[in-house]
Amino acid sequence: MLNERGQVYILTLVATIFFINFNFNRGIHDITPLSLAIAVIGLLVIAVSAFVIQKYSVAIIENKLLFVIAMIVFATSWGLLILPSQELDVLLFIALICKLIVYMTCIHLVNSVGRIQYEALIERINTDFLTQLSSRTAFEKSFDQSFKAAKNKTIQLAFIILDIDNFKLVNDTYGHLIGDAVLKEVSHAIRENIVNYKGAELFRIGGEEFGTILENTDYAEAQKMSLNILKAVNELSVNTDKGTFGVTISIGVAEWHEKDKTKEMFYNRAESYLYFAKNNGKNAVTVDGVIVNR
């Protein structure tokens, strides 16, 4: 189906060329007012139906009845366009319409299969395979959109960046399988503490680094969430053949300010708070440069 406005213009131009060729350059029979009116109606219906199909393409593709109606109208309009210039009887006209519908249905089926495969690919790209959280790719897109909205003053924006403490030591001591288990447990603990915040989504943005974007959330709420996350992670206990160990996490919290001219500046400011927590004993929440859990 059409999915770009430019395609509508191109299709209308092609239909117009057909209209001119069939009705003014055919030499089959003289033009009559009735035949010309039928062709004009066909041309107009092609243009209008193409625009409607393009505008409501998603709804039409997902609704079989709407798709059938759209195909009948679109195919019939082409039939009306060329009918006056052809010596066709009613049965041949109906056969032509059916043929066009079959062709367009085949194209639709091919597009549907391609769309399903495309959506599955996008889902894989946007999902971290280990934790099943949204991936760095998805984060970049969401972060960019939220930053632009905050800059346009349509939302209040906070960003939390989190990093598991001493994760390399965990991998070196207990192995990467245990490291993977820690990543899963920590991601689950974080997710459980953001689930009640409308629109909050957790991303894995690095090896052991996570982030969550909070729209219409101020420092107070972001700080409360971060402290809950810290507590939940501290309560984790990982059992291994080499013994049991706990997990800590460092957190940086930033609220967007007008001084954050670019999304990189905003991200880097939150990350600097994370490093401040790391460099001051770890297992800490830093809000706007101040550790709040001690």
C-alpha atoms as a PDB file:
ATOM      1  CA  MET A   1       0.000   0.000   0.000  1.00  0.00           C
ATOM      2  CA  LEU A   2       1.053   3.607  -0.412  1.00  0.00           C
ATOM      3  CA  ASN A   3       2.891   4.905   2.604  1.00  0.00           C
ATOM      4  CA  GLU A   4       4.483   8.132   1.375  1.00  0.00           C
ATOM      5  CA  ARG A   5       2.745  11.299   0.261  1.00  0.00           C
ATOM      6  CA  GLY A   6       5.098  11.541  -2.707  1.00  0.00           C
ATOM      7  CA  GLN A   7       3.833   8.215  -4.005  1.00  0.00           C
ATOM      8  CA  VAL A   8       0.300   9.625  -4.058  1.00  0.00           C
ATOM      9  CA  TYR A   9       1.454  12.504  -6.252  1.00  0.00           C
ATOM     10  CA  ILE A  10       3.338  10.161  -8.573  1.00  0.00           C
ATOM     11  CA  LEU A  11       0.361   7.817  -8.851  1.00  0.00           C
ATOM     12  CA  THR A  12      -1.968  10.714  -9.603  1.00  0.00           C
ATOM     13  CA  LEU A  13       0.445  11.955 -12.274  1.00  0.00           C
ATOM     14  CA  VAL A  14       0.573   8.497 -13.872  1.00  0.00           C
ATOM     15  CA  ALA A  15      -3.228   8.283 -13.826  1.00  0.00           C
ATOM     16  CA  THR A  16      -3.415  11.721 -15.453  1.00  0.00           C
ATOM     17  CA  ILE A  17      -1.053  10.607 -18.223  1.00  0.00           C
ATOM     18  CA  PHE A  18      -3.233   7.533 -18.801  1.00  0.00           C
ATOM     19  CA  PHE A  19      -6.314   9.775 -18.849  1.00  0.00           C
ATOM     20  CA  ILE A  20      -4.833  12.055 -21.492  1.00  0.00           C
ATOM     21  CA  ASN A  21      -3.516   9.178 -23.587  1.00  0.00           C
ATOM     22  CA  PHE A  22      -6.709   7.144 -23.496  1.00  0.00           C
ATOM     23  CA  ASN A  23      -9.106  10.004 -24.105  1.00  0.00           C
ATOM     24  CA  PHE A  24      -7.257  12.454 -26.363  1.00  0.00           C
ATOM     25  CA  ASN A  25      -4.667  10.400 -28.209  1.00  0.00           C
ATOM     26  CA  ARG A  26      -6.333   7.064 -28.824  1.00  0.00           C
ATOM     27  CA  GLY A  27      -7.942   7.264 -32.238  1.00  0.00           C
ATOM     28  CA  ILE A  28     -10.403   4.476 -31.393  1.00  0.00           C
ATOM     29  CA  HIS A  29     -13.611   6.456 -31.393  1.00  0.00           C
ATOM     30  CA  ASP A  30     -14.738  10.007 -30.922  1.00  0.00           C
ATOM     31  CA  ILE A  31     -14.853  11.468 -27.442  1.00  0.00           C
ATOM     32  CA  THR A  32     -18.364  11.851 -26.067  1.00  0.00           C
ATOM     33  CA  PRO A  33     -19.373  13.910 -23.053  1.00  0.00           C
ATOM     34  CA  LEU A  34     -20.436  10.719 -21.246  1.00  0.00           C
ATOM     35  CA  SER A  35     -17.172   8.855 -21.887  1.00  0.00           C
ATOM     36  CA  LEU A  36     -15.148  11.882 -20.866  1.00  0.00           C
ATOM     37  CA  ALA A  37     -17.211  12.307 -17.674  1.00  0.00           C
ATOM     38  CA  ILE A  38     -16.679   8.644 -16.745  1.00  0.00           C
ATOM     39  CA  ALA A  39     -12.913   8.969 -17.273  1.00  0.00           C
ATOM     40  CA  VAL A  40     -12.774  12.176 -15.221  1.00  0.00           C
ATOM     41  CA  ILE A  41     -14.669  10.458 -12.395  1.00  0.00           C
ATOM     42  CA  GLY A  42     -12.198   7.576 -12.546  1.00  0.00           C
ATOM     43  CA  LEU A  43      -9.239   9.984 -12.377  1.00  0.00           C
ATOM     44  CA  LEU A  44     -10.705  11.852  -9.400  1.00  0.00           C
ATOM     45  CA  VAL A  45     -11.505   8.649  -7.534  1.00  0.00           C
ATOM     46  CA  ILE A  46      -7.939   7.385  -8.119  1.00  0.00           C
ATOM     47  CA  ALA A  47      -6.485  10.577  -6.634  1.00  0.00           C
ATOM     48  CA  VAL A  48      -8.857  10.663  -3.654  1.00  0.00           C
ATOM     49  CA  SER A  49      -8.664   6.935  -2.887  1.00  0.00           C
ATOM     50  CA  ALA A  50      -4.849   6.984  -3.135  1.00  0.00           C
ATOM     51  CA  PHE A  51      -4.718   9.850  -0.639  1.00  0.00           C
ATOM     52  CA  VAL A  52      -7.125   8.112   1.763  1.00  0.00           C
ATOM     53  CA  ILE A  53      -5.253   4.811   1.495  1.00  0.00           C
ATOM     54  CA  GLN A  54      -1.957   6.566   2.206  1.00  0.00           C
ATOM     55  CA  LYS A  55      -3.331   8.512   5.181  1.00  0.00           C
ATOM     56  CA  TYR A  56      -5.072   5.546   6.801  1.00  0.00           C
ATOM     57  CA  SER A  57      -2.736   2.808   5.531  1.00  0.00           C
ATOM     58  CA  VAL A  58      -2.194   1.196   8.954  1.00  0.00           C
ATOM     59  CA  ALA A  59      -5.918   0.884   9.700  1.00  0.00           C
ATOM     60  CA  ILE A  60      -6.640  -0.403   6.185  1.00  0.00           C
ATOM     61  CA  ILE A  61      -3.881  -3.010   6.302  1.00  0.00           C
ATOM     62  CA  GLU A  62      -5.001  -4.294   9.701  1.00  0.00           C
ATOM     63  CA  ASN A  63      -8.725  -4.444   8.853  1.00  0.00           C
ATOM     64  CA  LYS A  64      -9.614  -7.009   6.184  1.00  0.00           C
ATOM     65  CA  LEU A  65     -12.994  -5.427   5.391  1.00  0.00           C
ATOM     66  CA  LEU A  66     -11.468  -1.987   4.930  1.00  0.00           C
ATOM     67  CA  PHE A  67      -8.751  -3.503   2.767  1.00  0.00           C
ATOM     68  CA  VAL A  68     -11.279  -5.232   0.481  1.00  0.00           C
ATOM     69  CA  ILE A  69     -13.326  -2.024   0.172  1.00  0.00           C
ATOM     70  CA  ALA A  70     -10.215   0.010  -0.585  1.00  0.00           C
ATOM     71  CA  MET A  71      -9.086  -2.458  -3.243  1.00  0.00           C
ATOM     72  CA  ILE A  72     -12.517  -2.534  -4.924  1.00  0.00           C
ATOM     73  CA  VAL A  73     -12.754   1.258  -4.999  1.00  0.00           C
ATOM     74  CA  PHE A  74      -9.187   1.696  -6.200  1.00  0.00           C
ATOM     75  CA  ALA A  75      -9.406  -0.982  -8.881  1.00  0.00           C
ATOM     76  CA  THR A  76     -12.817   0.235 -10.066  1.00  0.00           C
ATOM     77  CA  SER A  77     -11.507   3.771 -10.415  1.00  0.00           C
ATOM     78  CA  TRP A  78      -8.801   2.545 -12.799  1.00  0.00           C
ATOM     79  CA  GLY A  79     -11.450   0.653 -14.712  1.00  0.00           C
ATOM     80  CA  LEU A  80     -13.523   3.814 -15.039  1.00  0.00           C
ATOM     81  CA  LEU A  81     -10.456   5.685 -16.241  1.00  0.00           C
ATOM     82  CA  ILE A  82      -9.766   3.368 -19.163  1.00  0.00           C
ATOM     83  CA  LEU A  83     -13.281   2.048 -19.867  1.00  0.00           C
ATOM     84  CA  PRO A  84     -14.414   4.874 -22.186  1.00  0.00           C
ATOM     85  CA  SER A  85     -11.398   4.319 -24.436  1.00  0.00           C
ATOM     86  CA  GLN A  86     -11.801   0.549 -24.680  1.00  0.00           C
ATOM     87  CA  GLU A  87     -14.337  -1.541 -26.510  1.00  0.00           C
ATOM     88  CA  LEU A  88     -15.186  -3.653 -23.482  1.00  0.00           C
ATOM     89  CA  ASP A  89     -18.464  -5.203 -22.465  1.00  0.00           C
ATOM     90  CA  VAL A  90     -19.638  -5.454 -18.876  1.00  0.00           C
ATOM     91  CA  LEU A  91     -18.197  -8.940 -18.298  1.00  0.00           C
ATOM     92  CA  LEU A  92     -14.762  -7.940 -19.553  1.00  0.00           C
ATOM     93  CA  PHE A  93     -14.891  -4.841 -17.379  1.00  0.00           C
ATOM     94  CA  ILE A  94     -15.700  -6.933 -14.293  1.00  0.00           C
ATOM     95  CA  ALA A  95     -12.894  -9.347 -15.229  1.00  0.00           C
ATOM     96  CA  LEU A  96     -10.477  -6.420 -15.471  1.00  0.00           C
ATOM     97  CA  ILE A  97     -11.503  -5.164 -12.036  1.00  0.00           C
ATOM     98  CA  CYS A  98     -11.096  -8.644 -10.530  1.00  0.00           C
ATOM     99  CA  LYS A  99      -7.668  -8.967 -12.125  1.00  0.00           C
ATOM    100  CA  LEU A 100      -6.552  -5.666 -10.633  1.00  0.00           C
ATOM    101  CA  ILE A 101      -7.871  -6.680  -7.204  1.00  0.00           C
ATOM    102  CA  VAL A 102      -5.985  -9.996  -7.386  1.00  0.00           C
ATOM    103  CA  TYR A 103      -2.757  -8.222  -8.325  1.00  0.00           C
ATOM    104  CA  MET A 104      -3.119  -5.686  -5.534  1.00  0.00           C
ATOM    105  CA  THR A 105      -4.026  -8.377  -3.000  1.00  0.00           C
ATOM    106  CA  CYS A 106      -0.862 -10.288  -3.905  1.00  0.00           C
ATOM    107  CA  ILE A 107       1.166  -7.109  -3.407  1.00  0.00           C
ATOM    108  CA  HIS A 108      -0.553  -6.577  -0.055  1.00  0.00           C
ATOM    109  CA  LEU A 109       0.272 -10.118   1.081  1.00  0.00           C
ATOM    110  CA  VAL A 110       3.913  -9.685   0.122  1.00  0.00           C
ATOM    111  CA  ASN A 111       4.028  -6.348   1.943  1.00  0.00           C
ATOM    112  CA  SER A 112       2.371  -7.884   5.017  1.00  0.00           C
ATOM    113  CA  VAL A 113       4.990 -10.635   5.224  1.00  0.00           C
ATOM    114  CA  GLY A 114       7.743  -8.077   4.776  1.00  0.00           C
ATOM    115  CA  ARG A 115       6.190  -5.835   7.430  1.00  0.00           C
ATOM    116  CA  ILE A 116       6.016  -8.706   9.930  1.00  0.00           C
ATOM    117  CA  GLN A 117       9.654  -9.576   9.295  1.00  0.00           C
ATOM    118  CA  TYR A 118      10.640  -5.915   9.551  1.00  0.00           C
ATOM    119  CA  GLU A 119       8.805  -5.467  12.857  1.00  0.00           C
ATOM    120  CA  ALA A 120      10.414  -8.632  14.232  1.00  0.00           C
ATOM    121  CA  LEU A 121      13.840  -7.300  13.230  1.00  0.00           C
ATOM    122  CA  ILE A 122      13.153  -3.929  14.849  1.00  0.00           C
ATOM    123  CA  GLU A 123      12.001  -5.712  18.003  1.00  0.00           C
ATOM    124  CA  ARG A 124      15.270  -7.645  18.148  1.00  0.00           C
ATOM    125  CA  ILE A 125      17.279  -4.483  17.592  1.00  0.00           C
ATOM    126  CA  ASN A 126      15.401  -2.620  20.308  1.00  0.00           C
ATOM    127  CA  THR A 127      15.607  -5.430  22.885  1.00  0.00           C
ATOM    128  CA  ASP A 128      18.672  -6.473  24.842  1.00  0.00           C
ATOM    129  CA  PHE A 129      19.005 -10.229  24.369  1.00  0.00           C
ATOM    130  CA  LEU A 130      20.269 -10.967  27.904  1.00  0.00           C
ATOM    131  CA  THR A 131      18.052  -8.872  30.170  1.00  0.00           C
ATOM    132  CA  GLN A 132      15.131  -8.417  27.729  1.00  0.00           C
ATOM    133  CA  LEU A 133      15.210  -4.715  28.533  1.00  0.00           C
ATOM    134  CA  SER A 134      15.072  -2.032  25.886  1.00  0.00           C
ATOM    135  CA  SER A 135      18.447  -1.735  24.164  1.00  0.00           C
ATOM    136  CA  ARG A 136      20.890   1.134  23.690  1.00  0.00           C
ATOM    137  CA  THR A 137      19.414   1.683  20.228  1.00  0.00           C
ATOM    138  CA  ALA A 138      15.938   2.151  21.714  1.00  0.00           C
ATOM    139  CA  PHE A 139      17.398   4.375  24.437  1.00  0.00           C
ATOM    140  CA  GLU A 140      19.015   6.751  21.956  1.00  0.00           C
ATOM    141  CA  LYS A 141      15.705   7.266  20.178  1.00  0.00           C
ATOM    142  CA  SER A 142      13.654   7.724  23.366  1.00  0.00           C
ATOM    143  CA  PHE A 143      16.258   9.967  24.982  1.00  0.00           C
ATOM    144  CA  ASP A 144      16.355  12.200  21.913  1.00  0.00           C
ATOM    145  CA  GLN A 145      12.555  12.502  21.800  1.00  0.00           C
ATOM    146  CA  SER A 146      12.256  13.237  25.523  1.00  0.00           C
ATOM    147  CA  PHE A 147      15.065  15.790  25.415  1.00  0.00           C
ATOM    148  CA  LYS A 148      13.417  17.668  22.550  1.00  0.00           C
ATOM    149  CA  ALA A 149      10.100  17.672  24.418  1.00  0.00           C
ATOM    150  CA  ALA A 150      11.786  19.028  27.553  1.00  0.00           C
ATOM    151  CA  LYS A 151      13.605  21.683  25.551  1.00  0.00           C
ATOM    152  CA  ASN A 152      10.283  22.746  24.034  1.00  0.00           C
ATOM    153  CA  LYS A 153       8.942  22.961  27.603  1.00  0.00           C
ATOM    154  CA  THR A 154       6.180  20.423  26.982  1.00  0.00           C
ATOM    155  CA  ILE A 155       7.395  18.033  29.702  1.00  0.00           C
ATOM    156  CA  GLN A 156       9.461  17.986  32.885  1.00  0.00           C
ATOM    157  CA  LEU A 157      12.318  15.541  32.445  1.00  0.00           C
ATOM    158  CA  ALA A 158      14.566  13.575  34.778  1.00  0.00           C
ATOM    159  CA  PHE A 159      17.142  10.966  33.872  1.00  0.00           C
ATOM    160  CA  ILE A 160      18.576   8.241  36.102  1.00  0.00           C
ATOM    161  CA  ILE A 161      21.748   6.400  35.174  1.00  0.00           C
ATOM    162  CA  LEU A 162      22.783   3.323  37.156  1.00  0.00           C
ATOM    163  CA  ASP A 163      25.912   1.179  37.182  1.00  0.00           C
ATOM    164  CA  ILE A 164      26.636  -2.062  39.070  1.00  0.00           C
ATOM    165  CA  ASP A 165      29.625  -1.646  41.390  1.00  0.00           C
ATOM    166  CA  ASN A 166      32.707  -3.839  40.947  1.00  0.00           C
ATOM    167  CA  PHE A 167      31.105  -5.811  38.132  1.00  0.00           C
ATOM    168  CA  LYS A 168      34.437  -6.696  36.514  1.00  0.00           C
ATOM    169  CA  LEU A 169      35.489  -8.259  39.808  1.00  0.00           C
ATOM    170  CA  VAL A 170      32.336 -10.374  39.793  1.00  0.00           C
ATOM    171  CA  ASN A 171      33.149 -11.693  36.315  1.00  0.00           C
ATOM    172  CA  ASP A 172      36.798 -12.314  37.191  1.00  0.00           C
ATOM    173  CA  THR A 173      35.975 -14.067  40.471  1.00  0.00           C
ATOM    174  CA  TYR A 174      32.844 -16.032  39.681  1.00  0.00           C
ATOM    175  CA  GLY A 175      32.783 -16.207  35.886  1.00  0.00           C
ATOM    176  CA  HIS A 176      30.671 -14.628  33.179  1.00  0.00           C
ATOM    177  CA  LEU A 177      27.671 -16.903  33.719  1.00  0.00           C
ATOM    178  CA  ILE A 178      27.339 -15.555  37.248  1.00  0.00           C
ATOM    179  CA  GLY A 179      27.916 -12.068  35.861  1.00  0.00           C
ATOM    180  CA  ASP A 180      25.023 -12.597  33.466  1.00  0.00           C
ATOM    181  CA  ALA A 181      22.850 -13.802  36.343  1.00  0.00           C
ATOM    182  CA  VAL A 182      23.706 -10.652  38.305  1.00  0.00           C
ATOM    183  CA  LEU A 183      22.732  -8.474  35.341  1.00  0.00           C
ATOM    184  CA  LYS A 184      19.370 -10.219  35.117  1.00  0.00           C
ATOM    185  CA  GLU A 185      18.700  -9.959  38.862  1.00  0.00           C
ATOM    186  CA  VAL A 186      19.665  -6.306  39.033  1.00  0.00           C
ATOM    187  CA  SER A 187      17.618  -5.401  35.959  1.00  0.00           C
ATOM    188  CA  HIS A 188      14.610  -7.159  37.504  1.00  0.00           C
ATOM    189  CA  ALA A 189      15.053  -5.293  40.803  1.00  0.00           C
ATOM    190  CA  ILE A 190      15.282  -1.945  39.012  1.00  0.00           C
ATOM    191  CA  ARG A 191      12.305  -2.674  36.799  1.00  0.00           C
ATOM    192  CA  GLU A 192      10.157  -3.621  39.802  1.00  0.00           C
ATOM    193  CA  ASN A 193      10.782  -0.187  41.280  1.00  0.00           C
ATOM    194  CA  ILE A 194       9.892   1.851  38.202  1.00  0.00           C
ATOM    195  CA  VAL A 195       6.831  -0.097  37.123  1.00  0.00           C
ATOM    196  CA  ASN A 196       4.449   2.226  38.963  1.00  0.00           C
ATOM    197  CA  TYR A 197       5.790   5.343  37.274  1.00  0.00           C
ATOM    198  CA  LYS A 198       3.788   6.221  34.189  1.00  0.00           C
ATOM    199  CA  GLY A 199       5.850   6.100  31.018  1.00  0.00           C
ATOM    200  CA  ALA A 200       9.074   5.064  32.784  1.00  0.00           C
ATOM    201  CA  GLU A 201      11.128   2.577  30.799  1.00  0.00           C
ATOM    202  CA  LEU A 202      14.334   0.813  31.741  1.00  0.00           C
ATOM    203  CA  PHE A 203      17.171   0.539  29.215  1.00  0.00           C
ATOM    204  CA  ARG A 204      20.413  -1.390  29.238  1.00  0.00           C
ATOM    205  CA  ILE A 205      22.735   1.264  27.850  1.00  0.00           C
ATOM    206  CA  GLY A 206      26.075  -0.413  28.485  1.00  0.00           C
ATOM    207  CA  GLY A 207      27.636  -3.581  29.813  1.00  0.00           C
ATOM    208  CA  GLU A 208      26.529  -3.175  33.438  1.00  0.00           C
ATOM    209  CA  GLU A 209      24.989   0.268  32.976  1.00  0.00           C
ATOM    210  CA  PHE A 210      21.272   1.012  32.948  1.00  0.00           C
ATOM    211  CA  GLY A 211      19.183   4.107  32.459  1.00  0.00           C
ATOM    212  CA  THR A 212      15.607   5.225  32.873  1.00  0.00           C
ATOM    213  CA  ILE A 213      13.943   8.299  31.399  1.00  0.00           C
ATOM    214  CA  LEU A 214      11.272   9.920  33.561  1.00  0.00           C
ATOM    215  CA  GLU A 215       8.910  12.366  31.905  1.00  0.00           C
ATOM    216  CA  ASN A 216       6.952  14.783  34.082  1.00  0.00           C
ATOM    217  CA  THR A 217       8.967  13.684  37.104  1.00  0.00           C
ATOM    218  CA  ASP A 218      10.916  16.044  39.360  1.00  0.00           C
ATOM    219  CA  TYR A 219      13.978  15.541  41.530  1.00  0.00           C
ATOM    220  CA  ALA A 220      11.945  14.484  44.547  1.00  0.00           C
ATOM    221  CA  GLU A 221      10.243  11.607  42.757  1.00  0.00           C
ATOM    222  CA  ALA A 222      13.421  10.606  40.911  1.00  0.00           C
ATOM    223  CA  GLN A 223      15.336  10.603  44.191  1.00  0.00           C
ATOM    224  CA  LYS A 224      12.660   8.485  45.898  1.00  0.00           C
ATOM    225  CA  MET A 225      12.736   5.985  43.044  1.00  0.00           C
ATOM    226  CA  SER A 226      16.532   5.827  43.107  1.00  0.00           C
ATOM    227  CA  LEU A 227      16.658   5.169  46.843  1.00  0.00           C
ATOM    228  CA  ASN A 228      14.113   2.371  46.442  1.00  0.00           C
ATOM    229  CA  ILE A 229      16.211   0.860  43.664  1.00  0.00           C
ATOM    230  CA  LEU A 230      19.350   1.089  45.789  1.00  0.00           C
ATOM    231  CA  LYS A 231      17.590  -0.677  48.667  1.00  0.00           C
ATOM    232  CA  ALA A 232      16.208  -3.418  46.394  1.00  0.00           C
ATOM    233  CA  VAL A 233      19.612  -4.123  44.839  1.00  0.00           C
ATOM    234  CA  ASN A 234      21.284  -4.187  48.257  1.00  0.00           C
ATOM    235  CA  GLU A 235      18.840  -6.901  49.299  1.00  0.00           C
ATOM    236  CA  LEU A 236      19.949  -9.208  46.475  1.00  0.00           C
ATOM    237  CA  SER A 237      21.984 -12.254  47.405  1.00  0.00           C
ATOM    238  CA  VAL A 238      23.807 -14.295  44.768  1.00  0.00           C
ATOM    239  CA  ASN A 239      24.653 -17.907  45.586  1.00  0.00           C
ATOM    240  CA  THR A 240      27.615 -19.553  43.833  1.00  0.00           C
ATOM    241  CA  ASP A 241      29.926 -22.544  44.305  1.00  0.00           C
ATOM    242  CA  LYS A 242      32.477 -20.100  45.644  1.00  0.00           C
ATOM    243  CA  GLY A 243      30.135 -18.618  48.188  1.00  0.00           C
ATOM    244  CA  THR A 244      27.419 -16.000  48.499  1.00  0.00           C
ATOM    245  CA  PHE A 245      27.864 -12.319  47.759  1.00  0.00           C
ATOM    246  CA  GLY A 246      25.768  -9.172  47.673  1.00  0.00           C
ATOM    247  CA  VAL A 247      25.429  -6.525  45.007  1.00  0.00           C
ATOM    248  CA  THR A 248      25.678  -2.743  45.194  1.00  0.00           C
ATOM    249  CA  ILE A 249      24.931  -0.090  42.643  1.00  0.00           C
ATOM    250  CA  SER A 250      25.806   3.545  42.061  1.00  0.00           C
ATOM    251  CA  ILE A 251      23.209   5.981  40.736  1.00  0.00           C
ATOM    252  CA  GLY A 252      23.298   9.449  39.198  1.00  0.00           C
ATOM    253  CA  VAL A 253      20.128  11.549  38.932  1.00  0.00           C
ATOM    254  CA  ALA A 254      19.744  14.669  36.793  1.00  0.00           C
ATOM    255  CA  GLU A 255      16.783  16.889  36.045  1.00  0.00           C
ATOM    256  CA  TRP A 256      16.833  18.766  32.751  1.00  0.00           C
ATOM    257  CA  HIS A 257      17.724  22.459  33.018  1.00  0.00           C
ATOM    258  CA  GLU A 258      17.951  25.107  30.323  1.00  0.00           C
ATOM    259  CA  LYS A 259      21.739  25.020  30.660  1.00  0.00           C
ATOM    260  CA  ASP A 260      21.584  21.561  29.047  1.00  0.00           C
ATOM    261  CA  LYS A 261      21.718  22.904  25.501  1.00  0.00           C
ATOM    262  CA  THR A 262      22.211  19.481  23.933  1.00  0.00           C
ATOM    263  CA  LYS A 263      21.174  15.983  24.874  1.00  0.00           C
ATOM    264  CA  GLU A 264      24.861  15.106  25.205  1.00  0.00           C
ATOM    265  CA  MET A 265      25.278  17.803  27.866  1.00  0.00           C
ATOM    266  CA  PHE A 266      22.285  16.479  29.769  1.00  0.00           C
ATOM    267  CA  TYR A 267      23.490  12.877  29.543  1.00  0.00           C
ATOM    268  CA  ASN A 268      27.043  13.809  30.556  1.00  0.00           C
ATOM    269  CA  ARG A 269      25.800  15.740  33.570  1.00  0.00           C
ATOM    270  CA  ALA A 270      23.850  12.714  34.825  1.00  0.00           C
ATOM    271  CA  GLU A 271      26.868  10.526  34.134  1.00  0.00           C
ATOM    272  CA  SER A 272      29.114  12.884  36.108  1.00  0.00           C
ATOM    273  CA  TYR A 273      26.841  12.389  39.123  1.00  0.00           C
ATOM    274  CA  LEU A 274      27.177   8.636  38.649  1.00  0.00           C
ATOM    275  CA  TYR A 275      30.978   8.939  38.657  1.00  0.00           C
ATOM    276  CA  PHE A 276      30.764  11.131  41.748  1.00  0.00           C
ATOM    277  CA  ALA A 277      28.940   8.294  43.522  1.00  0.00           C
ATOM    278  CA  LYS A 278      31.532   5.809  42.238  1.00  0.00           C
ATOM    279  CA  ASN A 279      34.433   7.935  43.423  1.00  0.00           C
ATOM    280  CA  ASN A 280      32.931   8.507  46.856  1.00  0.00           C
ATOM    281  CA  GLY A 281      32.487   5.009  48.205  1.00  0.00           C
ATOM    282  CA  LYS A 282      30.004   3.592  45.680  1.00  0.00           C
ATOM    283  CA  ASN A 283      26.609   2.158  46.664  1.00  0.00           C
ATOM    284  CA  ALA A 284      25.288   5.713  46.553  1.00  0.00           C
ATOM    285  CA  VAL A 285      22.668   7.945  44.957  1.00  0.00           C
ATOM    286  CA  THR A 286      23.907  11.304  43.716  1.00  0.00           C
ATOM    287  CA  VAL A 287      21.253  13.908  42.971  1.00  0.00           C
ATOM    288  CA  ASP A 288      22.511  17.074  41.312  1.00  0.00           C
ATOM    289  CA  GLY A 289      26.008  16.441  42.623  1.00  0.00           C
ATOM    290  CA  VAL A 290      24.987  15.608  46.190  1.00  0.00           C
ATOM    291  CA  ILE A 291      24.951  12.096  47.724  1.00  0.00           C
ATOM    292  CA  VAL A 292      21.566  11.700  49.369  1.00  0.00           C
ATOM    293  CA  ASN A 293      21.673   8.267  51.025  1.00  0.00           C
ATOM    294  CA  ARG A 294      24.296   9.064  53.669  1.00  0.00           C
END
